[in-house]
Amino acid sequence: MDLLLHLGQTLDELDAPRWTEPPADATHLVRKVHALRRVPLGELRAADLRVLVSQQVALAYVVPLAVRMLVEEPLLDAYYYEGDLLLATVNVPATVWDLFPELAEELRAVVVELPEEAVAGLRRGAAEEVGRFLGVRQWNS
């Protein structure tokens, strides 16, 4: 799938069925995700992608965009802390990586080049999450 062809479209247009409006008593996160589905892919920011990836929404469309950002800046601080988009992305279900083996390899190549101290400086448990993505017990360089 060539995402460049879809950058002007929204997730509601690409990922059927369109979502209805969230309930009146919906949480802020639910309202945010619903709103992000109406933003053209090309306008989604790193923080938006982190939310969508973390909530496992339309992963076939948002993971390739996240990987594209992570290749440029692997430890990008999307909103909460350095590396938050990376950790959200390495934690997507393995079935997503089965759809995009070349993206998985591209991200793995970026991750293995990270200095050990950079990953060690991320939040607790990050090294294990990165290691799981790489297919090793725990990440280290």
C-alpha atoms as a PDB file:
ATOM      1  CA  MET A   1       0.000   0.000   0.000  1.00  0.00           C
ATOM      2  CA  ASP A   2       1.447   3.364  -1.015  1.00  0.00           C
ATOM      3  CA  LEU A   3       0.416   5.777   1.721  1.00  0.00           C
ATOM      4  CA  LEU A   4       1.492   8.778  -0.305  1.00  0.00           C
ATOM      5  CA  LEU A   5      -1.612   8.190  -2.402  1.00  0.00           C
ATOM      6  CA  HIS A   6      -3.776   8.466   0.708  1.00  0.00           C
ATOM      7  CA  LEU A   7      -2.263  11.419   2.581  1.00  0.00           C
ATOM      8  CA  GLY A   8      -5.220  13.635   1.693  1.00  0.00           C
ATOM      9  CA  GLN A   9      -7.735  11.127   2.993  1.00  0.00           C
ATOM     10  CA  THR A  10      -8.915  10.469   6.543  1.00  0.00           C
ATOM     11  CA  LEU A  11      -9.071   7.220   8.454  1.00  0.00           C
ATOM     12  CA  ASP A  12     -12.854   7.439   8.325  1.00  0.00           C
ATOM     13  CA  GLU A  13     -12.572   7.432   4.528  1.00  0.00           C
ATOM     14  CA  LEU A  14      -9.967   4.660   4.359  1.00  0.00           C
ATOM     15  CA  ASP A  15     -10.820   2.405   7.286  1.00  0.00           C
ATOM     16  CA  ALA A  16     -14.460   1.437   6.915  1.00  0.00           C
ATOM     17  CA  PRO A  17     -16.882   1.678   8.472  1.00  0.00           C
ATOM     18  CA  ARG A  18     -16.920   5.359   9.359  1.00  0.00           C
ATOM     19  CA  TRP A  19     -17.203   5.901  13.056  1.00  0.00           C
ATOM     20  CA  THR A  20     -20.274   7.593  14.465  1.00  0.00           C
ATOM     21  CA  GLU A  21     -19.983  10.496  16.872  1.00  0.00           C
ATOM     22  CA  PRO A  22     -18.761   9.434  20.309  1.00  0.00           C
ATOM     23  CA  PRO A  23     -21.343   9.209  23.083  1.00  0.00           C
ATOM     24  CA  ALA A  24     -21.975  12.364  25.098  1.00  0.00           C
ATOM     25  CA  ASP A  25     -20.318  10.835  28.160  1.00  0.00           C
ATOM     26  CA  ALA A  26     -17.208   9.635  26.282  1.00  0.00           C
ATOM     27  CA  THR A  27     -13.805  10.179  27.815  1.00  0.00           C
ATOM     28  CA  HIS A  28     -11.393  12.766  26.465  1.00  0.00           C
ATOM     29  CA  LEU A  29      -9.338   9.959  24.890  1.00  0.00           C
ATOM     30  CA  VAL A  30     -12.348   8.492  23.070  1.00  0.00           C
ATOM     31  CA  ARG A  31     -13.335  11.930  21.756  1.00  0.00           C
ATOM     32  CA  LYS A  32      -9.723  12.537  20.671  1.00  0.00           C
ATOM     33  CA  VAL A  33      -9.505   9.249  18.747  1.00  0.00           C
ATOM     34  CA  HIS A  34     -12.834   9.905  17.026  1.00  0.00           C
ATOM     35  CA  ALA A  35     -11.657  13.385  16.040  1.00  0.00           C
ATOM     36  CA  LEU A  36      -8.312  12.080  14.730  1.00  0.00           C
ATOM     37  CA  ARG A  37     -10.133   9.705  12.384  1.00  0.00           C
ATOM     38  CA  ARG A  38     -11.414  12.815  10.579  1.00  0.00           C
ATOM     39  CA  VAL A  39      -7.969  14.393  10.065  1.00  0.00           C
ATOM     40  CA  PRO A  40      -6.236  13.788   6.705  1.00  0.00           C
ATOM     41  CA  LEU A  41      -3.334  11.376   7.136  1.00  0.00           C
ATOM     42  CA  GLY A  42      -0.864  13.966   5.903  1.00  0.00           C
ATOM     43  CA  GLU A  43      -1.861  16.317   8.728  1.00  0.00           C
ATOM     44  CA  LEU A  44      -1.424  13.848  11.596  1.00  0.00           C
ATOM     45  CA  ARG A  45       1.343  14.917  13.973  1.00  0.00           C
ATOM     46  CA  ALA A  46       3.611  12.654  16.011  1.00  0.00           C
ATOM     47  CA  ALA A  47       1.382  13.026  19.094  1.00  0.00           C
ATOM     48  CA  ASP A  48      -1.664  12.074  17.011  1.00  0.00           C
ATOM     49  CA  LEU A  49       0.080   8.981  15.690  1.00  0.00           C
ATOM     50  CA  ARG A  50       1.127   8.005  19.209  1.00  0.00           C
ATOM     51  CA  VAL A  51      -2.505   8.130  20.327  1.00  0.00           C
ATOM     52  CA  LEU A  52      -3.759   6.143  17.347  1.00  0.00           C
ATOM     53  CA  VAL A  53      -0.999   3.538  17.554  1.00  0.00           C
ATOM     54  CA  SER A  54      -1.393   3.163  21.320  1.00  0.00           C
ATOM     55  CA  GLN A  55      -5.134   2.704  20.931  1.00  0.00           C
ATOM     56  CA  GLN A  56      -4.575   0.297  18.015  1.00  0.00           C
ATOM     57  CA  VAL A  57      -6.752   2.286  15.623  1.00  0.00           C
ATOM     58  CA  ALA A  58      -6.355   1.687  11.879  1.00  0.00           C
ATOM     59  CA  LEU A  59      -2.833   0.353  12.373  1.00  0.00           C
ATOM     60  CA  ALA A  60      -2.444  -0.538   8.713  1.00  0.00           C
ATOM     61  CA  TYR A  61      -2.531   3.195   7.955  1.00  0.00           C
ATOM     62  CA  VAL A  62      -0.883   4.783  10.991  1.00  0.00           C
ATOM     63  CA  VAL A  63       2.036   2.402  11.624  1.00  0.00           C
ATOM     64  CA  PRO A  64       3.698   3.188   8.275  1.00  0.00           C
ATOM     65  CA  LEU A  65       3.434   6.910   9.072  1.00  0.00           C
ATOM     66  CA  ALA A  66       4.881   6.360  12.536  1.00  0.00           C
ATOM     67  CA  VAL A  67       7.789   4.330  11.154  1.00  0.00           C
ATOM     68  CA  ARG A  68       8.493   7.073   8.623  1.00  0.00           C
ATOM     69  CA  MET A  69       8.824   9.572  11.499  1.00  0.00           C
ATOM     70  CA  LEU A  70      10.872   7.179  13.634  1.00  0.00           C
ATOM     71  CA  VAL A  71      13.389   6.554  10.873  1.00  0.00           C
ATOM     72  CA  GLU A  72      14.110  10.285  10.935  1.00  0.00           C
ATOM     73  CA  GLU A  73      14.057  10.647  14.738  1.00  0.00           C
ATOM     74  CA  PRO A  74      13.833   7.342  16.649  1.00  0.00           C
ATOM     75  CA  LEU A  75      13.580   8.854  20.116  1.00  0.00           C
ATOM     76  CA  LEU A  76      11.068  11.490  19.103  1.00  0.00           C
ATOM     77  CA  ASP A  77       9.129  12.936  22.035  1.00  0.00           C
ATOM     78  CA  ALA A  78       5.616  12.801  20.602  1.00  0.00           C
ATOM     79  CA  TYR A  79       3.964  14.184  23.724  1.00  0.00           C
ATOM     80  CA  TYR A  80       4.746  12.443  27.002  1.00  0.00           C
ATOM     81  CA  TYR A  81       8.429  11.547  27.001  1.00  0.00           C
ATOM     82  CA  GLU A  82      11.395  10.856  24.752  1.00  0.00           C
ATOM     83  CA  GLY A  83      10.760   7.673  22.779  1.00  0.00           C
ATOM     84  CA  ASP A  84       7.005   7.493  23.431  1.00  0.00           C
ATOM     85  CA  LEU A  85       6.126   7.037  19.756  1.00  0.00           C
ATOM     86  CA  LEU A  86       8.836   4.389  19.380  1.00  0.00           C
ATOM     87  CA  LEU A  87       7.552   2.407  22.349  1.00  0.00           C
ATOM     88  CA  ALA A  88       3.959   2.620  21.159  1.00  0.00           C
ATOM     89  CA  THR A  89       5.056   1.409  17.739  1.00  0.00           C
ATOM     90  CA  VAL A  90       7.235  -1.504  18.859  1.00  0.00           C
ATOM     91  CA  ASN A  91       4.289  -2.712  20.959  1.00  0.00           C
ATOM     92  CA  VAL A  92       1.810  -3.133  18.111  1.00  0.00           C
ATOM     93  CA  PRO A  93       0.611  -6.711  17.586  1.00  0.00           C
ATOM     94  CA  ALA A  94       2.940  -8.962  15.588  1.00  0.00           C
ATOM     95  CA  THR A  95       0.194  -9.418  12.993  1.00  0.00           C
ATOM     96  CA  VAL A  96       0.724  -5.805  11.924  1.00  0.00           C
ATOM     97  CA  TRP A  97       4.401  -6.461  11.255  1.00  0.00           C
ATOM     98  CA  ASP A  98       3.362  -9.541   9.247  1.00  0.00           C
ATOM     99  CA  LEU A  99       1.549  -7.113   6.916  1.00  0.00           C
ATOM    100  CA  PHE A 100       4.598  -4.846   6.649  1.00  0.00           C
ATOM    101  CA  PRO A 101       7.750  -6.961   6.958  1.00  0.00           C
ATOM    102  CA  GLU A 102       9.840  -4.341   5.163  1.00  0.00           C
ATOM    103  CA  LEU A 103       8.731  -1.643   7.614  1.00  0.00           C
ATOM    104  CA  ALA A 104       9.514  -3.945  10.529  1.00  0.00           C
ATOM    105  CA  GLU A 105      13.026  -4.468   9.166  1.00  0.00           C
ATOM    106  CA  GLU A 106      13.454  -0.754   8.576  1.00  0.00           C
ATOM    107  CA  LEU A 107      12.452   0.009  12.159  1.00  0.00           C
ATOM    108  CA  ARG A 108      14.627  -2.817  13.520  1.00  0.00           C
ATOM    109  CA  ALA A 109      17.612  -1.378  11.663  1.00  0.00           C
ATOM    110  CA  VAL A 110      17.002   1.988  13.300  1.00  0.00           C
ATOM    111  CA  VAL A 111      16.474   0.518  16.764  1.00  0.00           C
ATOM    112  CA  VAL A 112      19.630  -1.619  16.805  1.00  0.00           C
ATOM    113  CA  GLU A 113      21.669   1.513  16.064  1.00  0.00           C
ATOM    114  CA  LEU A 114      20.401   3.289  19.176  1.00  0.00           C
ATOM    115  CA  PRO A 115      23.007   3.650  21.898  1.00  0.00           C
ATOM    116  CA  GLU A 116      22.315   1.349  24.852  1.00  0.00           C
ATOM    117  CA  GLU A 117      22.285   4.307  27.230  1.00  0.00           C
ATOM    118  CA  ALA A 118      19.593   6.008  25.140  1.00  0.00           C
ATOM    119  CA  VAL A 119      17.231   3.053  25.546  1.00  0.00           C
ATOM    120  CA  ALA A 120      18.244   2.652  29.200  1.00  0.00           C
ATOM    121  CA  GLY A 121      17.195   6.280  29.718  1.00  0.00           C
ATOM    122  CA  LEU A 122      13.649   5.611  28.552  1.00  0.00           C
ATOM    123  CA  ARG A 123      10.847   4.724  30.942  1.00  0.00           C
ATOM    124  CA  ARG A 124      10.939   1.552  33.015  1.00  0.00           C
ATOM    125  CA  GLY A 125      10.390  -1.584  30.963  1.00  0.00           C
ATOM    126  CA  ALA A 126      11.368   0.045  27.666  1.00  0.00           C
ATOM    127  CA  ALA A 127      14.425  -2.168  27.110  1.00  0.00           C
ATOM    128  CA  GLU A 128      12.262  -5.273  27.457  1.00  0.00           C
ATOM    129  CA  GLU A 129       9.657  -3.898  25.039  1.00  0.00           C
ATOM    130  CA  VAL A 130      12.318  -3.003  22.481  1.00  0.00           C
ATOM    131  CA  GLY A 131      13.925  -6.415  22.985  1.00  0.00           C
ATOM    132  CA  ARG A 132      10.607  -8.154  22.382  1.00  0.00           C
ATOM    133  CA  PHE A 133      10.225  -6.237  19.111  1.00  0.00           C
ATOM    134  CA  LEU A 134      13.750  -7.226  18.088  1.00  0.00           C
ATOM    135  CA  GLY A 135      13.051 -10.840  19.009  1.00  0.00           C
ATOM    136  CA  VAL A 136      15.559 -10.984  21.851  1.00  0.00           C
ATOM    137  CA  ARG A 137      15.057 -11.395  25.578  1.00  0.00           C
ATOM    138  CA  GLN A 138      16.227  -7.862  26.351  1.00  0.00           C
ATOM    139  CA  TRP A 139      17.623  -5.182  24.113  1.00  0.00           C
ATOM    140  CA  ASN A 140      21.239  -4.157  24.345  1.00  0.00           C
ATOM    141  CA  SER A 141      23.787  -3.055  21.789  1.00  0.00           C
END
